[in-house]
């Protein structure tokens, strides 16, 4: 697995795009910023595990290797995560 990378995180209509380094703390901060949004209980639990679970960083890297933009539905919104450098390599 590669070292930490810069990613762009955006919640269209809620949070503007921001570039951050992908690490477990970043994913936990994403969760903290969206956990208050209205969503079904099952979606709440799934997103919490997805963003704060023990394999969260590895799963995001795997998903971004398969698709250039990871879209996580959050109630009526979505979180979009993509590499800051489109090649997926550190900037």
N, C-alpha and C. Protein backbone atom coordinates (compact mmCIF):
# COMPACT_ATOMS: atom_id res chain seq x y z
N UNK A 1 0.84 -1.18 0.00
CA UNK A 1 0.00 0.00 0.00
C UNK A 1 0.89 1.24 0.00
N UNK A 2 0.45 2.25 -0.72
CA UNK A 2 1.23 3.47 -0.85
C UNK A 2 1.14 4.31 0.42
N UNK A 3 2.03 5.29 0.50
CA UNK A 3 2.05 6.21 1.64
C UNK A 3 0.82 7.13 1.57
N UNK A 4 0.67 7.99 2.56
CA UNK A 4 -0.45 8.93 2.58
C UNK A 4 -0.47 9.77 1.31
N UNK A 5 -1.68 10.10 0.89
CA UNK A 5 -1.91 10.86 -0.34
C UNK A 5 -2.82 12.04 -0.04
N UNK A 6 -2.74 13.03 -0.90
CA UNK A 6 -3.68 14.13 -0.81
C UNK A 6 -4.94 13.76 -1.57
N UNK A 7 -6.08 14.06 -0.96
CA UNK A 7 -7.38 13.82 -1.57
C UNK A 7 -8.19 15.11 -1.52
N UNK A 8 -9.21 15.17 -2.36
CA UNK A 8 -10.17 16.27 -2.34
C UNK A 8 -11.47 15.70 -1.79
N UNK A 9 -12.01 16.39 -0.80
CA UNK A 9 -13.28 15.99 -0.20
C UNK A 9 -14.28 17.12 -0.43
N UNK A 10 -15.49 16.73 -0.81
CA UNK A 10 -16.52 17.73 -1.07
C UNK A 10 -17.88 17.16 -0.69
N UNK A 11 -18.71 18.01 -0.11
CA UNK A 11 -20.12 17.69 0.11
C UNK A 11 -20.88 18.78 -0.64
N UNK A 12 -21.23 18.52 -1.91
CA UNK A 12 -21.87 19.56 -2.73
C UNK A 12 -23.08 20.17 -2.03
N UNK A 13 -23.12 21.49 -2.01
CA UNK A 13 -24.21 22.22 -1.39
C UNK A 13 -24.07 22.39 0.11
N UNK A 14 -23.07 21.71 0.72
CA UNK A 14 -22.88 21.80 2.16
C UNK A 14 -21.46 22.27 2.49
N UNK A 15 -20.47 21.59 1.94
CA UNK A 15 -19.06 21.92 2.20
C UNK A 15 -18.33 22.05 0.87
N UNK A 16 -17.56 23.12 0.68
CA UNK A 16 -16.80 23.26 -0.57
C UNK A 16 -15.65 22.26 -0.61
N UNK A 17 -15.08 22.03 -1.80
CA UNK A 17 -13.95 21.10 -1.90
C UNK A 17 -12.77 21.57 -1.05
N UNK A 18 -12.11 20.61 -0.42
CA UNK A 18 -10.93 20.89 0.39
C UNK A 18 -9.93 19.77 0.14
N UNK A 19 -8.65 20.14 0.07
CA UNK A 19 -7.58 19.16 -0.12
C UNK A 19 -6.99 18.82 1.24
N UNK A 20 -6.92 17.53 1.54
CA UNK A 20 -6.38 17.04 2.81
C UNK A 20 -5.57 15.78 2.53
N UNK A 21 -4.79 15.37 3.50
CA UNK A 21 -4.05 14.12 3.39
C UNK A 21 -4.93 12.98 3.87
N UNK A 22 -4.98 11.90 3.09
CA UNK A 22 -5.78 10.75 3.45
C UNK A 22 -5.09 9.99 4.59
N UNK A 23 -5.73 10.00 5.73
CA UNK A 23 -5.29 9.21 6.88
C UNK A 23 -6.51 8.92 7.73
N UNK A 24 -6.40 8.01 8.69
CA UNK A 24 -7.58 7.68 9.51
C UNK A 24 -8.19 8.89 10.22
N UNK A 25 -7.36 9.82 10.66
CA UNK A 25 -7.88 11.02 11.32
C UNK A 25 -8.73 11.87 10.39
N UNK A 26 -8.33 11.95 9.14
CA UNK A 26 -9.10 12.70 8.15
C UNK A 26 -10.47 12.06 7.96
N UNK A 27 -10.49 10.75 7.83
CA UNK A 27 -11.77 10.06 7.64
C UNK A 27 -12.67 10.21 8.86
N UNK A 28 -12.09 10.20 10.04
CA UNK A 28 -12.88 10.42 11.26
C UNK A 28 -13.43 11.84 11.29
N UNK A 29 -12.66 12.81 10.82
CA UNK A 29 -13.15 14.20 10.79
C UNK A 29 -14.27 14.35 9.76
N UNK A 30 -14.18 13.63 8.65
CA UNK A 30 -15.29 13.65 7.68
C UNK A 30 -16.54 13.14 8.37
N UNK A 31 -16.42 12.02 9.06
CA UNK A 31 -17.57 11.47 9.77
C UNK A 31 -18.14 12.46 10.78
N UNK A 32 -17.27 13.10 11.54
CA UNK A 32 -17.72 14.07 12.54
C UNK A 32 -18.48 15.23 11.89
N UNK A 33 -18.11 15.59 10.66
CA UNK A 33 -18.76 16.73 10.01
C UNK A 33 -20.08 16.35 9.35
N UNK A 34 -20.31 15.07 9.10
CA UNK A 34 -21.56 14.68 8.43
C UNK A 34 -22.51 13.87 9.31
N UNK A 35 -22.04 13.39 10.45
CA UNK A 35 -22.88 12.49 11.27
C UNK A 35 -24.16 13.15 11.76
N UNK A 36 -24.20 14.46 11.78
CA UNK A 36 -25.40 15.16 12.24
C UNK A 36 -26.44 15.35 11.14
N UNK A 37 -26.08 15.10 9.89
CA UNK A 37 -27.03 15.26 8.79
C UNK A 37 -28.12 14.20 8.89
N UNK A 38 -29.34 14.56 8.49
CA UNK A 38 -30.43 13.58 8.56
C UNK A 38 -30.18 12.40 7.61
N UNK A 39 -30.28 11.19 8.14
CA UNK A 39 -30.13 9.97 7.34
C UNK A 39 -30.77 8.81 8.09
N UNK A 40 -31.07 7.75 7.36
CA UNK A 40 -31.63 6.56 8.00
C UNK A 40 -30.61 5.97 8.97
N UNK A 41 -31.12 5.32 9.99
CA UNK A 41 -30.25 4.71 11.00
C UNK A 41 -29.27 3.72 10.37
N UNK A 42 -29.73 2.90 9.44
CA UNK A 42 -28.84 1.91 8.81
C UNK A 42 -27.73 2.61 8.02
N UNK A 43 -28.09 3.70 7.35
CA UNK A 43 -27.08 4.46 6.61
C UNK A 43 -26.09 5.11 7.57
N UNK A 44 -26.57 5.60 8.68
CA UNK A 44 -25.72 6.21 9.71
C UNK A 44 -24.67 5.20 10.19
N UNK A 45 -25.12 4.01 10.52
CA UNK A 45 -24.19 2.98 11.01
C UNK A 45 -23.21 2.54 9.93
N UNK A 46 -23.70 2.39 8.70
CA UNK A 46 -22.83 1.96 7.60
C UNK A 46 -21.75 3.01 7.32
N UNK A 47 -22.13 4.28 7.29
CA UNK A 47 -21.15 5.34 7.03
C UNK A 47 -20.17 5.49 8.18
N UNK A 48 -20.66 5.34 9.41
CA UNK A 48 -19.75 5.43 10.55
C UNK A 48 -18.68 4.34 10.44
N UNK A 49 -19.09 3.15 10.16
CA UNK A 49 -18.13 2.04 10.02
C UNK A 49 -17.21 2.28 8.83
N UNK A 50 -17.77 2.77 7.73
CA UNK A 50 -17.01 3.01 6.50
C UNK A 50 -15.91 4.04 6.71
N UNK A 51 -16.20 5.07 7.51
CA UNK A 51 -15.24 6.17 7.68
C UNK A 51 -14.40 6.07 8.95
N UNK A 52 -14.80 5.26 9.91
CA UNK A 52 -14.03 5.18 11.16
C UNK A 52 -13.59 3.77 11.49
N UNK A 53 -13.97 2.80 10.68
CA UNK A 53 -13.60 1.41 10.95
C UNK A 53 -12.11 1.17 10.78
N UNK A 54 -11.65 0.02 11.21
CA UNK A 54 -10.21 -0.29 11.18
C UNK A 54 -9.62 -0.36 9.78
N UNK A 55 -10.44 -0.57 8.76
CA UNK A 55 -9.94 -0.68 7.38
C UNK A 55 -10.36 0.51 6.52
N UNK A 56 -10.80 1.59 7.13
CA UNK A 56 -11.36 2.72 6.38
C UNK A 56 -10.38 3.27 5.35
N UNK A 57 -9.16 3.56 5.75
CA UNK A 57 -8.18 4.13 4.81
C UNK A 57 -7.90 3.16 3.67
N UNK A 58 -7.66 1.91 3.98
CA UNK A 58 -7.39 0.91 2.95
C UNK A 58 -8.56 0.79 1.98
N UNK A 59 -9.79 0.82 2.49
CA UNK A 59 -10.96 0.70 1.64
C UNK A 59 -11.11 1.90 0.71
N UNK A 60 -10.82 3.10 1.21
CA UNK A 60 -10.90 4.30 0.36
C UNK A 60 -9.86 4.22 -0.75
N UNK A 61 -8.64 3.81 -0.42
CA UNK A 61 -7.60 3.67 -1.44
C UNK A 61 -8.01 2.64 -2.48
N UNK A 62 -8.54 1.52 -2.03
CA UNK A 62 -9.01 0.48 -2.97
C UNK A 62 -10.12 1.01 -3.87
N UNK A 63 -11.08 1.72 -3.29
CA UNK A 63 -12.19 2.25 -4.09
C UNK A 63 -11.73 3.29 -5.08
N UNK A 64 -10.78 4.14 -4.69
CA UNK A 64 -10.27 5.16 -5.61
C UNK A 64 -9.40 4.56 -6.71
N UNK A 65 -8.83 3.40 -6.46
CA UNK A 65 -8.08 2.71 -7.52
C UNK A 65 -9.04 2.17 -8.58
N UNK A 66 -10.26 1.84 -8.17
CA UNK A 66 -11.25 1.28 -9.09
C UNK A 66 -12.08 2.35 -9.80
N UNK A 67 -12.28 3.49 -9.14
CA UNK A 67 -13.13 4.56 -9.68
C UNK A 67 -12.53 5.89 -9.27
N UNK A 68 -12.45 6.87 -10.18
CA UNK A 68 -11.77 8.12 -9.84
C UNK A 68 -12.47 8.96 -8.78
N UNK A 69 -13.76 8.73 -8.55
CA UNK A 69 -14.49 9.49 -7.52
C UNK A 69 -15.28 8.51 -6.67
N UNK A 70 -15.06 8.57 -5.37
CA UNK A 70 -15.83 7.76 -4.43
C UNK A 70 -16.99 8.62 -3.95
N UNK A 71 -18.21 8.16 -4.16
CA UNK A 71 -19.41 8.90 -3.76
C UNK A 71 -20.10 8.12 -2.66
N UNK A 72 -20.23 8.77 -1.51
CA UNK A 72 -20.91 8.17 -0.36
C UNK A 72 -22.21 8.93 -0.11
N UNK A 73 -23.38 8.31 -0.30
CA UNK A 73 -24.63 8.99 -0.03
C UNK A 73 -24.80 9.26 1.45
N UNK A 74 -25.26 10.49 1.76
CA UNK A 74 -25.49 10.91 3.15
C UNK A 74 -26.85 11.59 3.18
N UNK A 75 -27.88 10.83 3.49
CA UNK A 75 -29.22 11.39 3.47
C UNK A 75 -29.51 11.96 2.09
N UNK A 76 -29.88 13.24 2.02
CA UNK A 76 -30.14 13.89 0.74
C UNK A 76 -28.90 14.49 0.11
N UNK A 77 -27.74 14.25 0.66
CA UNK A 77 -26.48 14.78 0.16
C UNK A 77 -25.56 13.63 -0.22
N UNK A 78 -24.36 13.97 -0.62
CA UNK A 78 -23.34 12.96 -0.87
C UNK A 78 -21.97 13.54 -0.57
N UNK A 79 -21.09 12.68 -0.12
CA UNK A 79 -19.69 13.03 0.09
C UNK A 79 -18.94 12.51 -1.12
N UNK A 80 -18.15 13.38 -1.74
CA UNK A 80 -17.33 12.97 -2.89
C UNK A 80 -15.87 13.05 -2.49
N UNK A 81 -15.16 11.96 -2.73
CA UNK A 81 -13.73 11.89 -2.42
C UNK A 81 -13.01 11.49 -3.70
N UNK A 82 -11.94 12.21 -4.02
CA UNK A 82 -11.13 11.88 -5.20
C UNK A 82 -9.69 12.25 -4.90
N UNK A 83 -8.77 11.71 -5.68
CA UNK A 83 -7.37 12.08 -5.54
C UNK A 83 -7.18 13.54 -5.89
N UNK A 84 -6.36 14.25 -5.15
CA UNK A 84 -6.04 15.64 -5.48
C UNK A 84 -5.19 15.67 -6.75
N UNK A 85 -4.36 14.67 -6.91
CA UNK A 85 -3.55 14.49 -8.11
C UNK A 85 -4.20 13.36 -8.89
N UNK A 86 -4.77 13.64 -10.08
CA UNK A 86 -5.54 12.62 -10.80
C UNK A 86 -4.81 11.31 -11.04
N UNK A 87 -3.50 11.31 -11.05
CA UNK A 87 -2.77 10.06 -11.27
C UNK A 87 -2.81 9.16 -10.04
N UNK A 88 -3.24 9.72 -8.89
CA UNK A 88 -3.29 8.95 -7.66
C UNK A 88 -1.96 8.88 -6.94
N UNK A 89 -0.98 9.54 -7.48
CA UNK A 89 0.33 9.58 -6.85
C UNK A 89 0.44 10.81 -5.95
N UNK A 90 1.27 10.77 -4.95
CA UNK A 90 1.42 11.95 -4.08
C UNK A 90 1.82 13.18 -4.89
N UNK A 91 1.26 14.32 -4.51
CA UNK A 91 1.55 15.57 -5.23
C UNK A 91 2.93 16.09 -4.85
